[in-house]
Amino acid sequence: MSPSRPTRADAASAGIGLVATMVACTAAGYGLGSLVGLAVPLGLLGLFAGVIVGLAVVHARFRRI
């Protein structure tokens, strides 16, 4: 059986997964930063960590496409 071609739904799902991971990591960083008085710096750190984690998640999920 040959693999099916990627669809627009696959691309949309990958994009939403990346953005959702970025938002979740940013919120976690901001929340933890609020506890120690460094909300903005840890929020930005969470954003950049979210990009890396999001790319890893999308790669792991859609590696066969």
N, C-alpha and C. Protein backbone atom coordinates (compact mmCIF):
# COMPACT_ATOMS: atom_id res chain seq x y z
N MET A 1 0.83 -1.17 0.00
CA MET A 1 0.00 0.00 0.00
C MET A 1 0.88 1.24 0.00
N SER A 2 0.61 2.16 -0.89
CA SER A 2 1.41 3.37 -0.96
C SER A 2 0.87 4.41 0.03
N PRO A 3 1.77 5.20 0.60
CA PRO A 3 1.31 6.22 1.56
C PRO A 3 0.50 7.30 0.85
N SER A 4 -0.47 7.84 1.54
CA SER A 4 -1.30 8.89 0.95
C SER A 4 -0.56 10.23 0.97
N ARG A 5 -0.96 11.08 0.07
CA ARG A 5 -0.35 12.40 0.00
C ARG A 5 -0.83 13.27 1.17
N PRO A 6 0.03 14.17 1.64
CA PRO A 6 -0.39 15.07 2.72
C PRO A 6 -1.55 15.96 2.26
N THR A 7 -2.44 16.26 3.18
CA THR A 7 -3.58 17.12 2.87
C THR A 7 -3.43 18.46 3.58
N ARG A 8 -4.35 19.36 3.28
CA ARG A 8 -4.35 20.65 3.96
C ARG A 8 -4.65 20.49 5.44
N ALA A 9 -5.43 19.48 5.78
CA ALA A 9 -5.74 19.24 7.18
C ALA A 9 -4.48 18.86 7.96
N ASP A 10 -3.56 18.13 7.32
CA ASP A 10 -2.30 17.79 7.98
C ASP A 10 -1.48 19.05 8.25
N ALA A 11 -1.43 19.94 7.28
CA ALA A 11 -0.67 21.18 7.45
C ALA A 11 -1.30 22.06 8.53
N ALA A 12 -2.61 22.14 8.53
CA ALA A 12 -3.30 22.95 9.54
C ALA A 12 -3.10 22.36 10.93
N SER A 13 -3.16 21.05 11.02
CA SER A 13 -2.97 20.39 12.31
C SER A 13 -1.55 20.62 12.83
N ALA A 14 -0.57 20.57 11.95
CA ALA A 14 0.81 20.82 12.36
C ALA A 14 0.98 22.26 12.84
N GLY A 15 0.39 23.21 12.13
CA GLY A 15 0.50 24.61 12.53
C GLY A 15 -0.18 24.90 13.84
N ILE A 16 -1.36 24.32 14.03
CA ILE A 16 -2.08 24.51 15.29
C ILE A 16 -1.31 23.88 16.44
N GLY A 17 -0.72 22.71 16.19
CA GLY A 17 0.07 22.06 17.23
C GLY A 17 1.27 22.89 17.64
N LEU A 18 1.92 23.52 16.67
CA LEU A 18 3.08 24.36 16.97
C LEU A 18 2.67 25.59 17.77
N VAL A 19 1.61 26.26 17.34
CA VAL A 19 1.16 27.46 18.04
C VAL A 19 0.65 27.13 19.44
N ALA A 20 -0.08 26.02 19.57
CA ALA A 20 -0.60 25.63 20.89
C ALA A 20 0.54 25.31 21.87
N THR A 21 1.58 24.66 21.38
CA THR A 21 2.73 24.37 22.24
C THR A 21 3.44 25.65 22.65
N MET A 22 3.56 26.59 21.73
CA MET A 22 4.19 27.86 22.06
C MET A 22 3.39 28.62 23.11
N VAL A 23 2.07 28.64 22.96
CA VAL A 23 1.22 29.34 23.92
C VAL A 23 1.29 28.67 25.29
N ALA A 24 1.25 27.35 25.31
CA ALA A 24 1.30 26.62 26.59
C ALA A 24 2.62 26.86 27.32
N CYS A 25 3.73 26.81 26.60
CA CYS A 25 5.03 27.04 27.23
C CYS A 25 5.18 28.49 27.70
N THR A 26 4.65 29.43 26.91
CA THR A 26 4.70 30.83 27.32
C THR A 26 3.87 31.06 28.58
N ALA A 27 2.69 30.47 28.63
CA ALA A 27 1.84 30.61 29.82
C ALA A 27 2.49 29.98 31.04
N ALA A 28 3.13 28.83 30.86
CA ALA A 28 3.81 28.18 31.98
C ALA A 28 4.98 29.03 32.47
N GLY A 29 5.75 29.57 31.55
CA GLY A 29 6.86 30.43 31.93
C GLY A 29 6.39 31.70 32.62
N TYR A 30 5.33 32.30 32.11
CA TYR A 30 4.79 33.51 32.72
C TYR A 30 4.23 33.21 34.11
N GLY A 31 3.53 32.10 34.22
CA GLY A 31 2.96 31.73 35.52
C GLY A 31 4.03 31.46 36.56
N LEU A 32 5.04 30.71 36.18
CA LEU A 32 6.13 30.45 37.12
C LEU A 32 6.91 31.72 37.42
N GLY A 33 7.07 32.57 36.42
CA GLY A 33 7.76 33.84 36.63
C GLY A 33 6.99 34.78 37.54
N SER A 34 5.67 34.69 37.51
CA SER A 34 4.86 35.53 38.40
C SER A 34 5.08 35.17 39.86
N LEU A 35 5.38 33.91 40.09
CA LEU A 35 5.61 33.48 41.47
C LEU A 35 6.92 34.03 42.04
N VAL A 36 7.91 34.23 41.19
CA VAL A 36 9.22 34.69 41.67
C VAL A 36 9.52 36.13 41.28
N GLY A 37 8.57 36.81 40.62
CA GLY A 37 8.76 38.21 40.28
C GLY A 37 9.48 38.44 38.97
N LEU A 38 9.58 37.44 38.13
CA LEU A 38 10.24 37.57 36.83
C LEU A 38 9.30 37.10 35.73
N ALA A 39 8.10 37.65 35.70
CA ALA A 39 7.07 37.15 34.79
C ALA A 39 7.45 37.32 33.32
N VAL A 40 7.87 38.50 32.94
CA VAL A 40 8.14 38.76 31.51
C VAL A 40 9.38 38.00 31.02
N PRO A 41 10.51 38.04 31.74
CA PRO A 41 11.66 37.29 31.24
C PRO A 41 11.40 35.78 31.13
N LEU A 42 10.74 35.20 32.12
CA LEU A 42 10.46 33.77 32.05
C LEU A 42 9.36 33.47 31.03
N GLY A 43 8.46 34.41 30.80
CA GLY A 43 7.48 34.24 29.74
C GLY A 43 8.13 34.21 28.37
N LEU A 44 9.10 35.09 28.15
CA LEU A 44 9.83 35.08 26.89
C LEU A 44 10.69 33.82 26.74
N LEU A 45 11.28 33.39 27.83
CA LEU A 45 12.04 32.15 27.80
C LEU A 45 11.13 30.97 27.47
N GLY A 46 9.93 30.98 28.03
CA GLY A 46 8.95 29.95 27.71
C GLY A 46 8.52 29.99 26.25
N LEU A 47 8.42 31.18 25.69
CA LEU A 47 8.07 31.31 24.27
C LEU A 47 9.12 30.66 23.39
N PHE A 48 10.39 30.96 23.64
CA PHE A 48 11.45 30.38 22.82
C PHE A 48 11.57 28.87 23.06
N ALA A 49 11.36 28.45 24.30
CA ALA A 49 11.35 27.01 24.56
C ALA A 49 10.16 26.35 23.86
N GLY A 50 9.05 27.06 23.78
CA GLY A 50 7.87 26.54 23.10
C GLY A 50 8.09 26.34 21.61
N VAL A 51 8.88 27.20 21.00
CA VAL A 51 9.20 27.03 19.58
C VAL A 51 9.99 25.73 19.38
N ILE A 52 10.98 25.51 20.22
CA ILE A 52 11.81 24.31 20.10
C ILE A 52 11.00 23.05 20.39
N VAL A 53 10.24 23.07 21.49
CA VAL A 53 9.42 21.92 21.84
C VAL A 53 8.34 21.69 20.79
N GLY A 54 7.73 22.76 20.30
CA GLY A 54 6.70 22.64 19.27
C GLY A 54 7.23 22.02 17.99
N LEU A 55 8.41 22.43 17.57
CA LEU A 55 9.00 21.84 16.37
C LEU A 55 9.30 20.36 16.57
N ALA A 56 9.76 20.01 17.77
CA ALA A 56 10.03 18.60 18.06
C ALA A 56 8.74 17.78 18.05
N VAL A 57 7.67 18.34 18.61
CA VAL A 57 6.39 17.63 18.64
C VAL A 57 5.84 17.45 17.23
N VAL A 58 5.89 18.50 16.43
CA VAL A 58 5.39 18.41 15.05
C VAL A 58 6.23 17.42 14.24
N HIS A 59 7.52 17.45 14.44
CA HIS A 59 8.38 16.50 13.72
C HIS A 59 8.07 15.06 14.12
N ALA A 60 7.88 14.83 15.40
CA ALA A 60 7.59 13.47 15.86
C ALA A 60 6.24 12.98 15.34
N ARG A 61 5.27 13.87 15.28
CA ARG A 61 3.94 13.44 14.85
C ARG A 61 3.82 13.29 13.35
N PHE A 62 4.46 14.17 12.60
CA PHE A 62 4.28 14.18 11.15
C PHE A 62 5.55 13.78 10.40
N ARG A 63 6.35 12.93 10.98
CA ARG A 63 7.62 12.58 10.36
C ARG A 63 7.44 11.80 9.07
N ARG A 64 6.32 11.09 8.91
CA ARG A 64 6.11 10.28 7.71
C ARG A 64 5.55 11.06 6.53
N ILE A 65 5.22 12.32 6.73
CA ILE A 65 4.60 13.10 5.64
C ILE A 65 5.66 13.58 4.69
